[in-house]
């Protein structure tokens, strides 16, 4: 059974503001444009089953110790910094698209979470976070008779 939540447009503005800040910040870096700035935002999937909320994020090229995960109120934030590497100088080196530097991505988790049981794993560039729902979120389904 899906949870019905009250829509709060201001929560959604958090993601829009973060994306806008990254785009504007990226426009003022040498060689960066709008599309390159957006590439710093990790792709995220959020889904649920009866007991858990699952978050997957693509973070290729990062080491586990370069990633930070935090949950404050109902906002899950993924952040980190990809270590800079020495740029290769070659005569036919046309572009540098593999980005380095910091990133942050926040998503709203509209369920109560059992914070003591959160787990995360990182393998092959994909971060997987399991957020167990709090017991009150797993209430039994009640059959309502329609008259």
C-alpha atoms as a PDB file:
ATOM      1  CA  UNK A   1       0.000   0.000   0.000  1.00  0.00           C
ATOM      2  CA  UNK A   2       1.455   3.350  -1.012  1.00  0.00           C
ATOM      3  CA  UNK A   3       1.935   5.997   1.602  1.00  0.00           C
ATOM      4  CA  UNK A   4       0.056   9.227   0.989  1.00  0.00           C
ATOM      5  CA  UNK A   5       2.169  12.226   1.858  1.00  0.00           C
ATOM      6  CA  UNK A   6       1.362  15.886   1.887  1.00  0.00           C
ATOM      7  CA  UNK A   7       3.098  17.553  -1.043  1.00  0.00           C
ATOM      8  CA  UNK A   8       5.434  20.307   0.016  1.00  0.00           C
ATOM      9  CA  UNK A   9       6.707  22.303  -2.988  1.00  0.00           C
ATOM     10  CA  UNK A  10       9.441  23.888  -0.878  1.00  0.00           C
ATOM     11  CA  UNK A  11      11.084  20.477  -0.336  1.00  0.00           C
ATOM     12  CA  UNK A  12      11.327  19.961  -4.088  1.00  0.00           C
ATOM     13  CA  UNK A  13      12.901  23.392  -4.423  1.00  0.00           C
ATOM     14  CA  UNK A  14      15.889  22.111  -2.425  1.00  0.00           C
ATOM     15  CA  UNK A  15      16.898  19.826  -5.302  1.00  0.00           C
ATOM     16  CA  UNK A  16      16.259  22.562  -7.863  1.00  0.00           C
ATOM     17  CA  UNK A  17      18.368  25.019  -5.871  1.00  0.00           C
ATOM     18  CA  UNK A  18      21.220  22.523  -5.501  1.00  0.00           C
ATOM     19  CA  UNK A  19      21.189  21.741  -9.223  1.00  0.00           C
ATOM     20  CA  UNK A  20      21.084  25.446 -10.105  1.00  0.00           C
ATOM     21  CA  UNK A  21      24.004  26.208  -7.774  1.00  0.00           C
ATOM     22  CA  UNK A  22      26.082  23.464  -9.372  1.00  0.00           C
ATOM     23  CA  UNK A  23      25.274  24.677 -12.883  1.00  0.00           C
ATOM     24  CA  UNK A  24      26.153  28.291 -12.119  1.00  0.00           C
ATOM     25  CA  UNK A  25      29.305  27.273 -10.248  1.00  0.00           C
ATOM     26  CA  UNK A  26      30.383  25.115 -13.183  1.00  0.00           C
ATOM     27  CA  UNK A  27      29.868  27.886 -15.743  1.00  0.00           C
ATOM     28  CA  UNK A  28      32.658  29.948 -14.199  1.00  0.00           C
ATOM     29  CA  UNK A  29      35.285  27.217 -14.212  1.00  0.00           C
ATOM     30  CA  UNK A  30      37.629  27.074 -17.199  1.00  0.00           C
ATOM     31  CA  UNK A  31      36.407  24.595 -19.792  1.00  0.00           C
ATOM     32  CA  UNK A  32      33.167  23.877 -17.973  1.00  0.00           C
ATOM     33  CA  UNK A  33      29.707  24.440 -19.317  1.00  0.00           C
ATOM     34  CA  UNK A  34      26.152  23.684 -18.290  1.00  0.00           C
ATOM     35  CA  UNK A  35      26.252  20.013 -19.340  1.00  0.00           C
ATOM     36  CA  UNK A  36      29.589  19.391 -17.665  1.00  0.00           C
ATOM     37  CA  UNK A  37      28.348  20.945 -14.416  1.00  0.00           C
ATOM     38  CA  UNK A  38      25.296  18.676 -14.421  1.00  0.00           C
ATOM     39  CA  UNK A  39      27.532  15.639 -14.893  1.00  0.00           C
ATOM     40  CA  UNK A  40      28.841  16.192 -11.325  1.00  0.00           C
ATOM     41  CA  UNK A  41      25.434  15.338  -9.880  1.00  0.00           C
ATOM     42  CA  UNK A  42      25.248  11.590  -9.255  1.00  0.00           C
ATOM     43  CA  UNK A  43      22.274   9.729 -10.700  1.00  0.00           C
ATOM     44  CA  UNK A  44      20.042   8.409  -7.892  1.00  0.00           C
ATOM     45  CA  UNK A  45      17.217   5.836  -7.772  1.00  0.00           C
ATOM     46  CA  UNK A  46      14.859   5.683  -4.765  1.00  0.00           C
ATOM     47  CA  UNK A  47      12.335   2.869  -4.331  1.00  0.00           C
ATOM     48  CA  UNK A  48      10.602   1.006  -1.528  1.00  0.00           C
ATOM     49  CA  UNK A  49       9.072  -2.272  -0.481  1.00  0.00           C
ATOM     50  CA  UNK A  50       6.983  -3.062   2.583  1.00  0.00           C
ATOM     51  CA  UNK A  51       9.938  -2.919   4.989  1.00  0.00           C
ATOM     52  CA  UNK A  52      12.659  -0.753   3.439  1.00  0.00           C
ATOM     53  CA  UNK A  53      13.525   2.255   1.344  1.00  0.00           C
ATOM     54  CA  UNK A  54      16.344   1.626  -1.141  1.00  0.00           C
ATOM     55  CA  UNK A  55      18.630   4.307  -2.538  1.00  0.00           C
ATOM     56  CA  UNK A  56      21.139   3.595  -5.314  1.00  0.00           C
ATOM     57  CA  UNK A  57      23.626   6.179  -6.549  1.00  0.00           C
ATOM     58  CA  UNK A  58      26.124   5.958  -9.384  1.00  0.00           C
ATOM     59  CA  UNK A  59      29.518   7.154  -8.128  1.00  0.00           C
ATOM     60  CA  UNK A  60      32.043   5.761 -10.613  1.00  0.00           C
ATOM     61  CA  UNK A  61      35.732   6.222  -9.956  1.00  0.00           C
ATOM     62  CA  UNK A  62      35.367   7.002  -6.265  1.00  0.00           C
ATOM     63  CA  UNK A  63      36.882   5.150  -3.361  1.00  0.00           C
ATOM     64  CA  UNK A  64      34.715   4.206  -0.394  1.00  0.00           C
ATOM     65  CA  UNK A  65      36.496   6.690   1.882  1.00  0.00           C
ATOM     66  CA  UNK A  66      35.738   9.563  -0.540  1.00  0.00           C
ATOM     67  CA  UNK A  67      31.959   9.188   0.000  1.00  0.00           C
ATOM     68  CA  UNK A  68      29.859  10.564   2.860  1.00  0.00           C
ATOM     69  CA  UNK A  69      26.223   9.670   3.611  1.00  0.00           C
ATOM     70  CA  UNK A  70      24.077  11.503   6.159  1.00  0.00           C
ATOM     71  CA  UNK A  71      20.403  11.594   7.106  1.00  0.00           C
ATOM     72  CA  UNK A  72      19.131  14.765   8.758  1.00  0.00           C
ATOM     73  CA  UNK A  73      15.405  14.944   9.458  1.00  0.00           C
ATOM     74  CA  UNK A  74      13.997  13.488   6.225  1.00  0.00           C
ATOM     75  CA  UNK A  75      16.816  14.574   3.870  1.00  0.00           C
ATOM     76  CA  UNK A  76      19.407  11.999   2.777  1.00  0.00           C
ATOM     77  CA  UNK A  77      22.599  13.658   1.551  1.00  0.00           C
ATOM     78  CA  UNK A  78      25.343  11.981  -0.455  1.00  0.00           C
ATOM     79  CA  UNK A  79      28.538  13.960  -0.793  1.00  0.00           C
ATOM     80  CA  UNK A  80      32.178  13.464  -1.467  1.00  0.00           C
ATOM     81  CA  UNK A  81      35.250  14.464  -3.327  1.00  0.00           C
ATOM     82  CA  UNK A  82      36.968  12.650  -6.126  1.00  0.00           C
ATOM     83  CA  UNK A  83      40.713  12.985  -5.757  1.00  0.00           C
ATOM     84  CA  UNK A  84      42.429  14.948  -8.462  1.00  0.00           C
ATOM     85  CA  UNK A  85      44.746  13.102 -10.770  1.00  0.00           C
ATOM     86  CA  UNK A  86      47.565  14.416 -12.908  1.00  0.00           C
ATOM     87  CA  UNK A  87      46.195  15.615 -16.258  1.00  0.00           C
ATOM     88  CA  UNK A  88      47.746  13.827 -19.177  1.00  0.00           C
ATOM     89  CA  UNK A  89      49.361  16.127 -21.734  1.00  0.00           C
ATOM     90  CA  UNK A  90      49.367  14.652 -25.210  1.00  0.00           C
ATOM     91  CA  UNK A  91      49.491  16.230 -28.602  1.00  0.00           C
ATOM     92  CA  UNK A  92      46.089  14.785 -29.610  1.00  0.00           C
ATOM     93  CA  UNK A  93      44.385  15.248 -26.248  1.00  0.00           C
ATOM     94  CA  UNK A  94      41.074  16.884 -27.274  1.00  0.00           C
ATOM     95  CA  UNK A  95      38.940  16.914 -24.192  1.00  0.00           C
ATOM     96  CA  UNK A  96      38.844  16.126 -20.507  1.00  0.00           C
ATOM     97  CA  UNK A  97      35.381  14.859 -19.525  1.00  0.00           C
ATOM     98  CA  UNK A  98      36.214  12.771 -16.475  1.00  0.00           C
ATOM     99  CA  UNK A  99      35.432  15.196 -13.692  1.00  0.00           C
ATOM    100  CA  UNK A 100      37.213  15.623 -10.417  1.00  0.00           C
ATOM    101  CA  UNK A 101      36.335  17.578  -7.323  1.00  0.00           C
ATOM    102  CA  UNK A 102      33.411  17.652  -4.927  1.00  0.00           C
ATOM    103  CA  UNK A 103      29.754  16.725  -5.334  1.00  0.00           C
ATOM    104  CA  UNK A 104      26.604  16.676  -3.226  1.00  0.00           C
ATOM    105  CA  UNK A 105      23.151  15.291  -3.819  1.00  0.00           C
ATOM    106  CA  UNK A 106      20.183  15.496  -1.448  1.00  0.00           C
ATOM    107  CA  UNK A 107      16.929  13.585  -1.695  1.00  0.00           C
ATOM    108  CA  UNK A 108      13.848  13.651   0.497  1.00  0.00           C
ATOM    109  CA  UNK A 109      12.915  10.399   2.228  1.00  0.00           C
ATOM    110  CA  UNK A 110       9.180  10.779   3.009  1.00  0.00           C
ATOM    111  CA  UNK A 111       9.019   7.803   5.406  1.00  0.00           C
ATOM    112  CA  UNK A 112       9.980   7.429   9.049  1.00  0.00           C
ATOM    113  CA  UNK A 113      13.253   5.511   9.149  1.00  0.00           C
ATOM    114  CA  UNK A 114      14.721   3.241  11.826  1.00  0.00           C
ATOM    115  CA  UNK A 115      18.009   5.154  11.957  1.00  0.00           C
ATOM    116  CA  UNK A 116      19.874   2.519  13.986  1.00  0.00           C
ATOM    117  CA  UNK A 117      19.502  -0.093  11.239  1.00  0.00           C
ATOM    118  CA  UNK A 118      20.605   1.855   8.136  1.00  0.00           C
ATOM    119  CA  UNK A 119      23.192   0.004   6.048  1.00  0.00           C
ATOM    120  CA  UNK A 120      25.222   0.962   3.001  1.00  0.00           C
ATOM    121  CA  UNK A 121      27.482  -0.876   0.591  1.00  0.00           C
ATOM    122  CA  UNK A 122      29.652   0.291  -2.279  1.00  0.00           C
ATOM    123  CA  UNK A 123      30.666  -1.946  -5.155  1.00  0.00           C
ATOM    124  CA  UNK A 124      31.633  -1.333  -8.778  1.00  0.00           C
ATOM    125  CA  UNK A 125      30.883   2.390  -8.576  1.00  0.00           C
ATOM    126  CA  UNK A 126      27.359   1.953  -7.188  1.00  0.00           C
ATOM    127  CA  UNK A 127      26.429   2.996  -3.653  1.00  0.00           C
ATOM    128  CA  UNK A 128      23.442   1.098  -2.238  1.00  0.00           C
ATOM    129  CA  UNK A 129      21.750   2.322   0.933  1.00  0.00           C
ATOM    130  CA  UNK A 130      19.038   0.373   2.763  1.00  0.00           C
ATOM    131  CA  UNK A 131      16.875   2.473   5.070  1.00  0.00           C
ATOM    132  CA  UNK A 132      14.578   0.239   7.163  1.00  0.00           C
ATOM    133  CA  UNK A 133      11.182   1.770   7.766  1.00  0.00           C
ATOM    134  CA  UNK A 134      10.282   2.529  11.362  1.00  0.00           C
ATOM    135  CA  UNK A 135       7.717   0.161  12.926  1.00  0.00           C
ATOM    136  CA  UNK A 136       4.920   2.741  12.662  1.00  0.00           C
ATOM    137  CA  UNK A 137       5.464   2.837   8.880  1.00  0.00           C
ATOM    138  CA  UNK A 138       4.851  -0.917   8.637  1.00  0.00           C
ATOM    139  CA  UNK A 139       1.336  -0.873  10.072  1.00  0.00           C
ATOM    140  CA  UNK A 140      -0.999  -3.639   9.036  1.00  0.00           C
ATOM    141  CA  UNK A 141      -3.274  -3.054   6.112  1.00  0.00           C
ATOM    142  CA  UNK A 142      -6.858  -2.509   7.211  1.00  0.00           C
ATOM    143  CA  UNK A 143      -9.737  -3.624   5.043  1.00  0.00           C
ATOM    144  CA  UNK A 144     -12.401  -0.940   4.748  1.00  0.00           C
ATOM    145  CA  UNK A 145     -15.870  -2.072   3.802  1.00  0.00           C
ATOM    146  CA  UNK A 146     -17.643   0.126   1.303  1.00  0.00           C
ATOM    147  CA  UNK A 147     -21.363   0.536   1.903  1.00  0.00           C
END
